[in-house]
Each structure stands twice: as C-alpha cells, then as structure tokens.
Protein backbone atom coordinates (compact mmCIF):
# COMPACT_ATOMS: atom_id res chain seq x y z
CA MET A 1 -8.42 0.78 -19.18
CA ASN A 2 -6.19 2.12 -21.99
CA THR A 3 -2.51 1.90 -22.02
CA GLN A 4 -1.61 5.23 -20.74
CA ARG A 5 -3.74 4.46 -17.52
CA LEU A 6 -2.00 1.15 -17.09
CA THR A 7 1.45 3.06 -16.64
CA LEU A 8 3.05 4.69 -13.64
CA ASN A 9 6.29 6.88 -14.39
CA CYS A 10 8.35 6.26 -11.04
CA LEU A 11 10.62 9.17 -11.60
CA GLY A 12 11.72 8.04 -15.03
CA LYS A 13 11.22 4.64 -14.67
CA LEU A 14 8.09 3.30 -16.21
CA LEU A 15 5.92 0.63 -14.49
CA VAL A 16 3.42 -1.25 -16.53
CA LEU A 17 0.31 -2.59 -15.06
CA ASP A 18 -0.85 -4.88 -18.00
CA GLN A 19 -0.95 -7.43 -15.43
CA PRO A 20 -1.41 -7.66 -11.90
CA ILE A 21 1.87 -7.25 -9.85
CA VAL A 22 3.41 -7.42 -5.87
CA MET A 23 4.17 -4.93 -3.45
CA GLY A 24 6.36 -6.38 -0.82
CA ILE A 25 5.92 -4.87 2.62
CA LEU A 26 9.18 -4.22 4.37
CA ASN A 27 8.29 -2.38 8.14
CA VAL A 28 11.73 -0.94 9.45
CA THR A 29 9.48 -0.52 12.86
CA PRO A 30 9.75 -2.38 16.14
CA ASP A 31 6.12 -2.28 16.45
CA SER A 32 4.32 -3.08 13.14
CA PHE A 33 1.28 -5.91 13.73
CA PHE A 34 3.13 -8.73 11.96
CA ASP A 35 6.69 -8.15 11.11
CA GLY A 36 7.54 -5.48 13.70
CA GLY A 37 11.24 -5.84 15.05
CA GLN A 38 12.20 -8.22 12.38
CA TYR A 39 14.10 -5.82 10.14
CA GLN A 40 16.01 -3.39 12.33
CA HIS A 41 19.41 -3.80 11.24
CA ILE A 42 20.70 -2.49 7.52
CA ALA A 43 22.02 -5.96 6.89
CA GLU A 44 18.66 -7.50 8.00
CA ILE A 45 17.08 -4.94 5.70
CA VAL A 46 18.70 -5.52 2.67
CA GLY A 47 18.87 -9.47 3.20
CA ARG A 48 14.82 -8.97 3.28
CA ALA A 49 14.70 -6.85 0.24
CA SER A 50 16.75 -9.16 -1.76
CA GLN A 51 14.29 -12.51 -0.94
CA MET A 52 11.10 -10.36 -1.97
CA ILE A 53 12.93 -9.12 -5.02
CA THR A 54 13.81 -12.75 -5.93
CA ASP A 55 10.48 -13.78 -5.14
CA GLY A 56 9.10 -11.55 -7.58
CA ALA A 57 8.10 -8.38 -5.74
CA THR A 58 8.05 -5.28 -8.69
CA ILE A 59 7.68 -2.58 -5.66
CA LEU A 60 9.18 -2.20 -2.08
CA ASP A 61 6.92 -0.75 0.39
CA ILE A 62 9.17 0.92 3.15
CA GLY A 63 7.49 2.00 6.14
CA GLY A 64 8.91 3.84 9.64
CA LEU A 65 5.80 4.21 11.16
CA SER A 66 3.25 1.84 12.27
CA THR A 67 -0.47 2.50 11.44
CA ARG A 68 -1.70 -0.55 13.14
CA PRO A 69 -5.00 0.02 15.00
CA GLY A 70 -4.24 1.60 18.52
CA SER A 71 -0.68 2.69 17.57
CA ALA A 72 1.10 5.88 18.48
CA PRO A 73 3.17 8.03 16.28
CA VAL A 74 7.05 8.63 16.74
CA SER A 75 8.66 11.92 15.71
CA PRO A 76 8.86 12.61 12.06
CA ASN A 77 12.71 12.89 12.72
CA GLU A 78 12.60 9.35 14.14
CA GLU A 79 10.35 7.82 11.43
CA MET A 80 13.58 9.34 8.74
CA GLU A 81 16.08 8.01 10.96
CA ARG A 82 14.66 4.40 10.26
CA VAL A 83 13.57 4.64 6.60
CA VAL A 84 16.37 6.80 4.79
CA PRO A 85 19.25 4.68 5.33
CA ALA A 86 17.20 1.60 4.84
CA ILE A 87 16.05 3.04 1.43
CA LYS A 88 19.65 4.16 0.54
CA ALA A 89 21.20 0.75 1.20
CA ILE A 90 18.52 -0.85 -0.84
CA LYS A 91 18.94 1.37 -3.77
CA ASP A 92 22.76 0.93 -3.47
CA LYS A 93 22.63 -2.81 -3.57
CA PHE A 94 19.66 -3.14 -5.88
CA PRO A 95 19.45 0.22 -8.34
CA GLU A 96 16.74 -0.70 -10.37
CA ALA A 97 14.44 -1.48 -7.31
CA ILE A 98 11.08 0.49 -7.24
CA ILE A 99 10.79 1.78 -3.88
CA SER A 100 7.79 3.35 -2.44
CA ILE A 101 7.86 5.13 1.05
CA ASP A 102 4.78 4.19 3.47
CA THR A 103 4.12 7.44 5.20
CA TYR A 104 1.60 10.22 5.74
CA ARG A 105 4.00 13.07 6.24
CA ALA A 106 5.15 15.08 3.55
CA ALA A 107 8.75 15.82 5.15
CA VAL A 108 9.28 12.05 5.33
CA ALA A 109 8.25 11.40 2.12
CA ARG A 110 10.14 13.98 0.48
CA ALA A 111 13.29 12.54 2.42
CA ALA A 112 12.82 9.40 1.09
CA VAL A 113 12.27 10.36 -2.54
CA GLU A 114 15.54 12.07 -2.07
CA ALA A 115 17.06 8.88 -0.70
CA GLY A 116 15.85 6.85 -3.49
CA ALA A 117 12.12 6.14 -3.39
CA SER A 118 9.86 6.75 -6.11
CA ILE A 119 6.16 6.15 -5.32
CA ILE A 120 4.46 7.45 -2.22
CA ASN A 121 2.13 5.43 -0.21
CA ASP A 122 -0.10 7.83 2.07
CA VAL A 123 -2.52 5.51 4.44
CA SER A 124 -4.17 8.79 5.34
CA GLY A 125 -4.81 10.18 1.40
CA GLY A 126 -3.65 13.48 2.44
CA GLU A 127 -5.61 14.17 5.73
CA MET A 128 -3.27 13.95 8.06
CA ASP A 129 -0.71 16.61 6.29
CA ASP A 130 -1.81 19.56 4.50
CA GLN A 131 1.61 19.45 2.53
CA MET A 132 1.25 16.10 1.00
CA PHE A 133 -0.72 16.80 -2.18
CA ASP A 134 1.40 19.70 -2.95
CA LEU A 135 4.71 17.69 -2.40
CA VAL A 136 3.42 14.78 -4.88
CA ALA A 137 2.56 17.43 -7.45
CA THR A 138 6.17 19.08 -7.29
CA LEU A 139 8.07 15.87 -7.08
CA LYS A 140 6.02 14.17 -9.55
CA THR A 141 5.92 10.62 -8.13
CA PRO A 142 3.02 8.41 -8.19
CA TYR A 143 0.80 8.45 -5.38
CA ILE A 144 -1.19 5.80 -3.37
CA LEU A 145 -4.34 7.38 -2.36
CA MET A 146 -5.82 5.03 0.68
CA HIS A 147 -8.93 5.88 2.48
CA MET A 148 -8.79 6.01 6.40
CA GLN A 149 -11.80 6.99 8.45
CA GLY A 150 -10.22 8.66 11.48
CA THR A 151 -6.55 8.16 12.75
CA PRO A 152 -4.55 5.30 13.60
CA ASP A 153 -5.15 5.31 17.34
CA GLN A 154 -8.84 5.96 17.10
CA MET A 155 -9.95 4.33 13.82
CA GLN A 156 -11.37 1.09 15.10
CA LYS A 157 -13.35 2.97 17.99
CA ASP A 158 -16.68 3.09 16.21
CA PRO A 159 -16.41 3.33 12.19
CA HIS A 160 -19.42 4.27 10.56
CA TYR A 161 -20.64 4.80 7.04
CA GLU A 162 -24.07 5.26 5.37
CA ASN A 163 -22.73 2.55 2.56
CA VAL A 164 -19.26 1.72 2.99
CA THR A 165 -18.26 1.42 -0.61
CA LEU A 166 -20.27 4.39 -1.80
CA ASP A 167 -18.92 6.56 0.88
CA ILE A 168 -15.38 5.40 0.34
CA MET A 169 -16.06 6.25 -3.70
CA ARG A 170 -17.23 9.40 -3.06
CA SER A 171 -14.31 10.78 -0.67
CA LEU A 172 -11.78 9.25 -2.98
CA VAL A 173 -13.43 11.05 -5.97
CA LYS A 174 -13.16 14.43 -4.32
CA ARG A 175 -9.33 13.61 -3.34
CA VAL A 176 -8.50 12.83 -7.03
CA GLY A 177 -9.95 15.98 -8.10
CA ARG A 178 -7.89 18.07 -5.80
CA LEU A 179 -4.95 15.76 -7.04
CA ARG A 180 -5.77 16.40 -10.68
CA ALA A 181 -6.36 19.95 -10.21
CA LEU A 182 -2.43 20.28 -8.75
CA GLY A 183 -1.02 18.26 -11.90
CA VAL A 184 -0.61 14.79 -10.32
CA LYS A 185 -0.93 12.22 -13.04
CA ASP A 186 -0.10 8.87 -11.83
CA ILE A 187 -2.82 7.96 -9.10
CA ILE A 188 -3.26 4.58 -7.41
CA LEU A 189 -6.64 4.03 -5.28
CA ASP A 190 -6.35 1.77 -1.86
CA PRO A 191 -9.77 1.43 -0.30
CA GLY A 192 -8.20 1.07 2.95
CA PHE A 193 -8.94 -2.60 4.29
CA GLY A 194 -8.74 -2.50 8.04
CA PHE A 195 -8.36 1.49 8.59
CA GLY A 196 -11.65 2.72 10.20
CA LYS A 197 -13.57 -0.46 8.73
CA THR A 198 -15.57 -3.19 10.66
CA LEU A 199 -15.32 -6.83 9.53
CA ALA A 200 -18.47 -6.38 7.53
CA HIS A 201 -17.35 -3.08 5.79
CA ASN A 202 -13.99 -4.75 5.11
CA PHE A 203 -16.04 -7.70 3.28
CA GLN A 204 -18.38 -5.49 1.37
CA LEU A 205 -15.27 -3.48 -0.02
CA LEU A 206 -13.80 -6.59 -1.35
CA LYS A 207 -16.89 -7.80 -2.49
CA GLU A 208 -17.54 -4.42 -4.52
CA LEU A 209 -14.01 -3.27 -5.12
CA HIS A 210 -14.54 -3.88 -8.98
CA THR A 211 -16.74 -0.37 -8.62
CA PHE A 212 -13.82 1.47 -7.94
CA GLN A 213 -12.61 0.65 -11.42
CA ILE A 214 -15.25 3.52 -12.76
CA LEU A 215 -12.18 5.67 -11.82
CA ASP A 216 -10.15 4.30 -14.12
CA LEU A 217 -7.36 4.13 -12.35
CA PRO A 218 -5.34 0.96 -10.68
CA ILE A 219 -6.59 -0.54 -7.69
CA LEU A 220 -4.33 -1.57 -4.99
CA ALA A 221 -5.35 -4.06 -2.00
CA GLY A 222 -3.94 -4.22 0.98
CA ILE A 223 -5.27 -7.38 2.77
CA SER A 224 -2.41 -9.42 3.75
CA ARG A 225 -2.82 -10.82 7.33
CA LYS A 226 -5.03 -8.39 8.63
CA SER A 227 -7.85 -8.62 11.22
CA MET A 228 -10.65 -9.25 8.76
CA ILE A 229 -8.97 -12.90 8.07
CA CYS A 230 -7.66 -13.06 11.85
CA ARG A 231 -10.90 -12.62 13.18
CA THR A 232 -13.01 -14.42 10.78
CA LEU A 233 -10.81 -17.49 10.88
CA GLY A 234 -9.87 -17.15 14.73
CA VAL A 235 -6.14 -17.23 14.18
CA SER A 236 -3.24 -14.86 14.60
CA PRO A 237 -1.73 -12.72 11.88
CA ALA A 238 1.19 -15.60 11.89
CA GLU A 239 -1.44 -18.33 10.99
CA ALA A 240 -3.07 -15.82 8.25
CA LEU A 241 -1.39 -16.97 5.18
CA ASN A 242 -3.83 -19.33 4.03
CA GLY A 243 -6.85 -16.77 4.41
CA THR A 244 -4.71 -13.93 3.34
CA THR A 245 -3.90 -16.03 -0.45
CA ALA A 246 -7.88 -16.94 -0.82
CA LEU A 247 -8.93 -13.19 -0.43
CA HIS A 248 -5.82 -12.40 -2.70
CA MET A 249 -7.53 -14.47 -5.51
CA VAL A 250 -10.75 -12.48 -4.66
CA ALA A 251 -9.00 -9.10 -5.03
CA LEU A 252 -7.58 -9.96 -8.18
CA GLN A 253 -10.91 -11.13 -9.35
CA GLN A 254 -12.29 -8.20 -8.68
CA GLY A 255 -9.96 -5.90 -10.48
CA ALA A 256 -6.98 -5.16 -8.31
CA LYS A 257 -3.46 -4.63 -10.05
CA ILE A 258 -1.30 -4.39 -6.95
CA LEU A 259 -1.13 -6.81 -3.91
CA ARG A 260 0.39 -5.27 -1.26
CA VAL A 261 1.67 -8.54 1.06
CA HIS A 262 4.27 -9.94 3.67
CA ASP A 263 4.50 -12.90 1.46
CA VAL A 264 5.70 -12.31 -2.10
CA LYS A 265 6.17 -15.94 -3.21
CA GLU A 266 2.64 -17.12 -2.70
CA ALA A 267 1.12 -13.80 -3.64
CA MET A 268 2.93 -14.19 -6.83
CA GLU A 269 1.67 -17.87 -7.35
CA VAL A 270 -1.82 -16.41 -6.90
CA ILE A 271 -1.41 -14.09 -9.65
CA THR A 272 0.06 -17.05 -11.89
CA LEU A 273 -2.92 -19.07 -11.21
CA PHE A 274 -5.30 -15.97 -11.80
CA GLN A 275 -3.58 -15.40 -15.00
CA ALA A 276 -4.03 -18.99 -16.22
CA LEU A 277 -7.95 -18.72 -15.14
CA GLU A 278 -8.44 -15.82 -17.26
CA GLN A 279 -6.79 -17.09 -20.21
CA ALA A 280 -8.61 -20.32 -20.06
C-alpha cells in the first residue's frame, strides 16, 4: 500500500498506519460480554482511558450498546446518554486522544462526533441504519466498515456462507463502492469475527485475512477474548487472554494494521515482537 492509503484523517489529526496500532475497547455498558458494568461512572471511564493511553493505545473505542450474540438493543437516547458524557470527559482530560464511536446508529454517531469522537465504527457496515453512509460522507470521518450477517440478536442462530472469505469480500467491495461514490476517503475493513460466523468460519477468515489486502485498505482485527477462542480452548472470556495473544500474532502476520483489544499492554507487546520478527 502507498503512503496515502496508510493515513487516516481523523478530523484534522493525521493517523499514520505504517506500523500496526492498538484500539482499546472501552464499553460504557452494563451488559457487554467481557467488561460490561465495569466502567459506568465518569471517574472509572476516564481512569480506564488513562490506563489504555499509558499502555500504548492509539485509538479509544467507546461503545454504549452491547452487540454480543443474543443482545437486545437499548433506545438511541439511552445509548447517547451513555457515550456522549464519556467522550466529553475523555477529551477534556486527554484533548489529543483519538476516539472512535462504536455504534450502528447514525444519530448516535453524529452526537458522538460532536462530543469529540473522530472515527465511526459500525458493526453493521451501514446495514442497520440507511442514514449512516450519508452521515459519514457529510462528517468526513474515517469509517470502520464491518461485516455482520444478520443482527446481534439473531446472527449466531444459523450463519451460512458458500465461501466465507469470498462472500464477505464481495459484500465489503459493494459497500466500499457505495462509500466511494459518496466521497468517503478513509475506510477501514473489519471482516467481523464472531458476527454471524461459526467457529470454522472465524478460523478460515483469520487464515485468509491477507486476501482482504487486495482492496488496498487498512484491516482491523477484532478477536479479543471472543468465542472463537473461548469455545476452542474451553475457557471463559476472563481466561482468554493467552489465546487472544496467540491469535493477535496471526492477525498481524496476515496483514492486520489495527488490533481492537481489551488488553492494550499485552497487544502492544505482540506488536513489538511482530516488528522484531519482521526486521530480522
């Protein structure tokens, strides 16, 4: 990829992806699958953000709506009431922080950007709110285009693909085309591990992640403590850090530029070891 394609314009702050970076997950929800309920109060949220920045996170990903399998949505107003104060508090304390808003709702994304977020991370890839693509084009933020088959409450019932990698590639290509037609320049691809995929689908995707490089866009891997690790090893999400670390190295070797993680320090260590390996 050329230098231009390795940069993201985060509303005036240039983010360079010549080396892999870490996106730290900060869920301000009571029900997310791993850290739900841990960061409900502003002091806890700012404290967690501070720790992730200290540990090396380049992006903080703020989510106010759980999208774990089987989850039920809350109202847009409740989602906004969770994320907007959190984003404002983090930006007040850390003005240089790059914040992404993890939402599939255009109204929430708009409010979050007005509060200080500069990246939109949409698990539905524009499928759950037909206003999202137009909003991204208007705001001119980078957009994380994720693939999800179905909706969070139904996506793991019976996911099916002819060929998971090729099917997802075709889906993403169509949506990249729509975004480009609207003038959206900064797009990050996320194949959506665990979102409407079986264990076999997830591992095939990881093994073939490098194929998405043909689109010449940064690739994000979101595999931290997910069921593909827990079910394979027979462990809980709380016990899945070792498995997460192992698969993070694979994702980097397969071309991922952004690791979306719960454990920033450990992910940064993987990147350091990966870079040493690449330079050997």
